[in-house]
N, C-alpha and C. Protein backbone atom coordinates (compact mmCIF):
# COMPACT_ATOMS: atom_id res chain seq x y z
N MET A 1 -19.48 -12.65 1.02
CA MET A 1 -18.09 -12.39 0.71
C MET A 1 -17.47 -13.65 0.08
N PRO A 2 -16.85 -13.54 -1.05
CA PRO A 2 -16.27 -14.70 -1.72
C PRO A 2 -15.13 -15.33 -0.91
N THR A 3 -14.98 -16.62 -1.10
CA THR A 3 -13.89 -17.35 -0.46
C THR A 3 -12.60 -17.04 -1.20
N THR A 4 -11.56 -16.71 -0.46
CA THR A 4 -10.28 -16.35 -1.09
C THR A 4 -9.41 -17.61 -1.30
N GLU A 5 -8.44 -17.46 -2.16
CA GLU A 5 -7.49 -18.55 -2.39
C GLU A 5 -6.74 -18.88 -1.10
N ALA A 6 -6.43 -17.87 -0.30
CA ALA A 6 -5.75 -18.09 0.98
C ALA A 6 -6.60 -18.94 1.92
N GLN A 7 -7.91 -18.71 1.94
CA GLN A 7 -8.80 -19.51 2.77
C GLN A 7 -8.88 -20.95 2.27
N VAL A 8 -8.97 -21.11 0.97
CA VAL A 8 -8.98 -22.45 0.40
C VAL A 8 -7.70 -23.20 0.78
N GLU A 9 -6.57 -22.54 0.63
CA GLU A 9 -5.29 -23.18 0.96
C GLU A 9 -5.19 -23.49 2.44
N ARG A 10 -5.72 -22.62 3.31
CA ARG A 10 -5.70 -22.89 4.75
C ARG A 10 -6.52 -24.12 5.08
N VAL A 11 -7.70 -24.23 4.50
CA VAL A 11 -8.53 -25.42 4.72
C VAL A 11 -7.79 -26.67 4.24
N ARG A 12 -7.18 -26.59 3.08
CA ARG A 12 -6.43 -27.73 2.55
C ARG A 12 -5.29 -28.12 3.51
N GLU A 13 -4.58 -27.14 4.05
CA GLU A 13 -3.50 -27.42 5.00
C GLU A 13 -4.02 -28.11 6.25
N LEU A 14 -5.14 -27.63 6.75
CA LEU A 14 -5.71 -28.21 7.97
C LEU A 14 -6.16 -29.65 7.74
N VAL A 15 -6.85 -29.89 6.64
CA VAL A 15 -7.31 -31.26 6.35
C VAL A 15 -6.11 -32.18 6.17
N ALA A 16 -5.10 -31.72 5.47
CA ALA A 16 -3.90 -32.53 5.26
C ALA A 16 -3.18 -32.85 6.57
N ALA A 17 -3.36 -32.01 7.59
CA ALA A 17 -2.68 -32.20 8.87
C ALA A 17 -3.35 -33.22 9.78
N ILE A 18 -4.57 -33.64 9.46
CA ILE A 18 -5.27 -34.61 10.31
C ILE A 18 -4.60 -35.97 10.15
N PRO A 19 -4.07 -36.53 11.25
CA PRO A 19 -3.35 -37.80 11.12
C PRO A 19 -4.29 -39.00 10.94
N PRO A 20 -3.76 -40.10 10.42
CA PRO A 20 -4.56 -41.32 10.29
C PRO A 20 -5.14 -41.73 11.64
N GLY A 21 -6.39 -42.18 11.60
CA GLY A 21 -7.06 -42.63 12.80
C GLY A 21 -7.71 -41.52 13.60
N ARG A 22 -7.57 -40.29 13.14
CA ARG A 22 -8.16 -39.14 13.81
C ARG A 22 -9.09 -38.42 12.83
N VAL A 23 -9.99 -37.61 13.36
CA VAL A 23 -10.94 -36.88 12.53
C VAL A 23 -11.11 -35.45 13.03
N SER A 24 -11.70 -34.64 12.19
CA SER A 24 -12.09 -33.29 12.56
C SER A 24 -13.47 -33.04 11.99
N THR A 25 -14.10 -31.99 12.45
CA THR A 25 -15.41 -31.64 11.92
C THR A 25 -15.29 -30.43 11.01
N TYR A 26 -16.30 -30.25 10.18
CA TYR A 26 -16.34 -29.07 9.32
C TYR A 26 -16.26 -27.81 10.17
N GLY A 27 -16.96 -27.82 11.31
CA GLY A 27 -16.96 -26.66 12.19
C GLY A 27 -15.62 -26.39 12.83
N ASP A 28 -14.91 -27.46 13.24
CA ASP A 28 -13.57 -27.29 13.81
C ASP A 28 -12.64 -26.61 12.81
N ILE A 29 -12.69 -27.10 11.58
CA ILE A 29 -11.82 -26.56 10.53
C ILE A 29 -12.19 -25.12 10.22
N ALA A 30 -13.48 -24.83 10.14
CA ALA A 30 -13.92 -23.46 9.87
C ALA A 30 -13.43 -22.51 10.96
N ALA A 31 -13.53 -22.93 12.21
CA ALA A 31 -13.10 -22.07 13.32
C ALA A 31 -11.61 -21.77 13.25
N VAL A 32 -10.80 -22.78 13.00
CA VAL A 32 -9.36 -22.58 12.94
C VAL A 32 -8.97 -21.76 11.71
N ALA A 33 -9.68 -21.95 10.61
CA ALA A 33 -9.38 -21.23 9.37
C ALA A 33 -9.95 -19.82 9.36
N GLY A 34 -10.74 -19.47 10.37
CA GLY A 34 -11.33 -18.13 10.41
C GLY A 34 -12.48 -17.93 9.46
N LEU A 35 -13.17 -19.00 9.12
CA LEU A 35 -14.32 -18.92 8.21
C LEU A 35 -15.60 -18.70 9.01
N SER A 36 -16.57 -18.07 8.41
CA SER A 36 -17.80 -17.74 9.12
C SER A 36 -18.76 -18.92 9.25
N THR A 37 -18.58 -19.95 8.44
CA THR A 37 -19.52 -21.07 8.48
C THR A 37 -18.83 -22.38 8.05
N PRO A 38 -19.23 -23.49 8.67
CA PRO A 38 -18.70 -24.80 8.25
C PRO A 38 -19.08 -25.15 6.82
N ARG A 39 -20.14 -24.55 6.30
CA ARG A 39 -20.56 -24.84 4.93
C ARG A 39 -19.48 -24.49 3.92
N THR A 40 -18.68 -23.48 4.24
CA THR A 40 -17.60 -23.11 3.34
C THR A 40 -16.58 -24.23 3.26
N VAL A 41 -16.30 -24.87 4.39
CA VAL A 41 -15.39 -26.02 4.39
C VAL A 41 -15.98 -27.13 3.53
N GLY A 42 -17.27 -27.38 3.68
CA GLY A 42 -17.92 -28.39 2.85
C GLY A 42 -17.81 -28.08 1.37
N TRP A 43 -18.00 -26.83 1.01
CA TRP A 43 -17.88 -26.42 -0.39
C TRP A 43 -16.46 -26.65 -0.89
N ILE A 44 -15.46 -26.27 -0.09
CA ILE A 44 -14.07 -26.48 -0.49
C ILE A 44 -13.78 -27.97 -0.63
N MET A 45 -14.27 -28.76 0.28
CA MET A 45 -14.03 -30.21 0.22
C MET A 45 -14.69 -30.82 -1.01
N ARG A 46 -15.85 -30.33 -1.39
CA ARG A 46 -16.52 -30.86 -2.58
C ARG A 46 -15.79 -30.49 -3.86
N THR A 47 -15.16 -29.32 -3.88
CA THR A 47 -14.59 -28.82 -5.12
C THR A 47 -13.08 -28.99 -5.23
N ASP A 48 -12.39 -29.25 -4.10
CA ASP A 48 -10.93 -29.21 -4.14
C ASP A 48 -10.28 -30.15 -3.12
N SER A 49 -10.73 -31.41 -3.08
CA SER A 49 -10.19 -32.30 -2.05
C SER A 49 -9.68 -33.63 -2.59
N GLY A 50 -9.54 -33.75 -3.89
CA GLY A 50 -9.16 -35.02 -4.49
C GLY A 50 -7.88 -35.62 -3.92
N ASP A 51 -6.93 -34.79 -3.53
CA ASP A 51 -5.66 -35.29 -3.03
C ASP A 51 -5.55 -35.20 -1.51
N LEU A 52 -6.66 -34.93 -0.84
CA LEU A 52 -6.67 -34.79 0.62
C LEU A 52 -7.32 -35.98 1.29
N PRO A 53 -7.05 -36.18 2.59
CA PRO A 53 -7.74 -37.25 3.33
C PRO A 53 -9.16 -36.81 3.70
N TRP A 54 -9.99 -36.64 2.70
CA TRP A 54 -11.36 -36.14 2.85
C TRP A 54 -12.17 -36.95 3.86
N HIS A 55 -11.84 -38.23 3.96
CA HIS A 55 -12.61 -39.12 4.82
C HIS A 55 -12.45 -38.81 6.31
N ARG A 56 -11.49 -37.96 6.65
CA ARG A 56 -11.25 -37.59 8.05
C ARG A 56 -12.02 -36.35 8.49
N VAL A 57 -12.91 -35.86 7.65
CA VAL A 57 -13.73 -34.69 7.98
C VAL A 57 -15.19 -35.13 8.08
N LEU A 58 -15.80 -34.82 9.22
CA LEU A 58 -17.15 -35.28 9.52
C LEU A 58 -18.06 -34.13 9.95
N ARG A 59 -19.33 -34.45 10.09
CA ARG A 59 -20.30 -33.52 10.65
C ARG A 59 -20.04 -33.40 12.16
N ALA A 60 -20.66 -32.41 12.77
CA ALA A 60 -20.46 -32.12 14.20
C ALA A 60 -20.89 -33.27 15.11
N ASP A 61 -21.78 -34.13 14.63
CA ASP A 61 -22.22 -35.26 15.46
C ASP A 61 -21.42 -36.53 15.20
N GLY A 62 -20.37 -36.42 14.39
CA GLY A 62 -19.51 -37.58 14.12
C GLY A 62 -19.98 -38.46 12.98
N THR A 63 -20.99 -38.02 12.25
CA THR A 63 -21.49 -38.82 11.13
C THR A 63 -20.95 -38.28 9.81
N PRO A 64 -20.78 -39.16 8.85
CA PRO A 64 -20.39 -38.72 7.51
C PRO A 64 -21.61 -38.30 6.71
N ALA A 65 -21.36 -37.69 5.57
CA ALA A 65 -22.45 -37.38 4.66
C ALA A 65 -23.10 -38.70 4.22
N PRO A 66 -24.42 -38.76 4.14
CA PRO A 66 -25.09 -40.02 3.81
C PRO A 66 -24.58 -40.70 2.54
N HIS A 67 -24.29 -39.93 1.50
CA HIS A 67 -23.87 -40.54 0.24
C HIS A 67 -22.44 -41.11 0.32
N LEU A 68 -21.70 -40.79 1.38
CA LEU A 68 -20.33 -41.28 1.54
C LEU A 68 -20.19 -42.23 2.73
N ALA A 69 -21.25 -42.42 3.49
CA ALA A 69 -21.18 -43.08 4.79
C ALA A 69 -20.44 -44.41 4.78
N HIS A 70 -20.84 -45.33 3.95
CA HIS A 70 -20.23 -46.66 3.97
C HIS A 70 -18.74 -46.59 3.67
N ARG A 71 -18.40 -45.92 2.60
CA ARG A 71 -17.00 -45.83 2.18
C ARG A 71 -16.16 -45.05 3.21
N GLN A 72 -16.70 -43.95 3.70
CA GLN A 72 -15.96 -43.12 4.65
C GLN A 72 -15.73 -43.85 5.97
N LEU A 73 -16.75 -44.47 6.52
CA LEU A 73 -16.60 -45.19 7.78
C LEU A 73 -15.67 -46.39 7.64
N ALA A 74 -15.72 -47.05 6.50
CA ALA A 74 -14.81 -48.19 6.26
C ALA A 74 -13.36 -47.72 6.24
N ARG A 75 -13.09 -46.63 5.56
CA ARG A 75 -11.71 -46.10 5.51
C ARG A 75 -11.23 -45.69 6.89
N LEU A 76 -12.10 -45.05 7.66
CA LEU A 76 -11.71 -44.63 9.00
C LEU A 76 -11.45 -45.84 9.90
N ALA A 77 -12.29 -46.86 9.80
CA ALA A 77 -12.09 -48.07 10.60
C ALA A 77 -10.76 -48.74 10.24
N GLU A 78 -10.41 -48.75 8.96
CA GLU A 78 -9.13 -49.32 8.53
C GLU A 78 -7.95 -48.59 9.16
N GLU A 79 -8.12 -47.31 9.43
CA GLU A 79 -7.06 -46.51 10.05
C GLU A 79 -7.03 -46.64 11.57
N GLY A 80 -7.99 -47.38 12.11
CA GLY A 80 -8.04 -47.56 13.56
C GLY A 80 -8.88 -46.53 14.28
N CYS A 81 -9.66 -45.78 13.55
CA CYS A 81 -10.53 -44.77 14.14
C CYS A 81 -11.71 -45.48 14.82
N PRO A 82 -12.09 -45.05 16.02
CA PRO A 82 -13.19 -45.72 16.73
C PRO A 82 -14.56 -45.39 16.11
N VAL A 83 -15.08 -46.32 15.35
CA VAL A 83 -16.38 -46.18 14.72
C VAL A 83 -17.40 -46.93 15.57
N ARG A 84 -18.48 -46.26 15.92
CA ARG A 84 -19.55 -46.84 16.73
C ARG A 84 -20.85 -46.75 15.94
N GLY A 85 -21.21 -47.84 15.30
CA GLY A 85 -22.42 -47.85 14.48
C GLY A 85 -22.24 -46.99 13.24
N ASP A 86 -23.03 -45.93 13.15
CA ASP A 86 -23.01 -45.07 11.96
C ASP A 86 -22.24 -43.78 12.16
N ARG A 87 -21.40 -43.74 13.22
CA ARG A 87 -20.65 -42.51 13.50
C ARG A 87 -19.32 -42.81 14.16
N VAL A 88 -18.48 -41.80 14.19
CA VAL A 88 -17.17 -41.90 14.84
C VAL A 88 -17.31 -41.37 16.26
N ASP A 89 -16.63 -42.00 17.19
CA ASP A 89 -16.59 -41.54 18.57
C ASP A 89 -15.69 -40.30 18.62
N LEU A 90 -16.29 -39.13 18.54
CA LEU A 90 -15.52 -37.89 18.49
C LEU A 90 -14.73 -37.64 19.77
N ALA A 91 -15.25 -38.07 20.89
CA ALA A 91 -14.52 -37.87 22.15
C ALA A 91 -13.16 -38.57 22.11
N ALA A 92 -13.10 -39.68 21.42
CA ALA A 92 -11.85 -40.45 21.35
C ALA A 92 -11.00 -40.09 20.14
N ALA A 93 -11.61 -39.64 19.05
CA ALA A 93 -10.87 -39.51 17.78
C ALA A 93 -10.69 -38.08 17.29
N ARG A 94 -11.30 -37.12 17.94
CA ARG A 94 -11.23 -35.74 17.43
C ARG A 94 -9.81 -35.20 17.52
N TYR A 95 -9.35 -34.66 16.41
CA TYR A 95 -8.01 -34.06 16.33
C TYR A 95 -8.10 -32.59 16.71
N ARG A 96 -7.22 -32.17 17.59
CA ARG A 96 -7.17 -30.76 18.01
C ARG A 96 -6.00 -30.09 17.30
N PHE A 97 -6.29 -29.09 16.53
CA PHE A 97 -5.27 -28.38 15.78
C PHE A 97 -4.45 -27.48 16.70
N ASP A 98 -3.16 -27.39 16.47
CA ASP A 98 -2.32 -26.42 17.15
C ASP A 98 -2.53 -25.09 16.44
N THR A 99 -3.03 -24.12 17.15
CA THR A 99 -3.30 -22.84 16.49
C THR A 99 -2.35 -21.77 16.96
């Protein structure tokens, strides 16, 4: 089933709502947006995230995509996000959306 414009806009709203120093996962966003898979969030982020805080979206284990790791973790650390080695401490930094 194709992704609708409403779904794209919902993902964009959710990503924009993540405050500095906090993060969310692709799966968290997919669940709140009513999407069937976190991969759809990844696709939206790849194609339509230039003006969003993309660096605040991570994998379920708190790691960034390998090709973005250094830059993404540096930006998160600058915001005060708890970075532990190659990942973010999700227990401390995970943002819970009001649904």
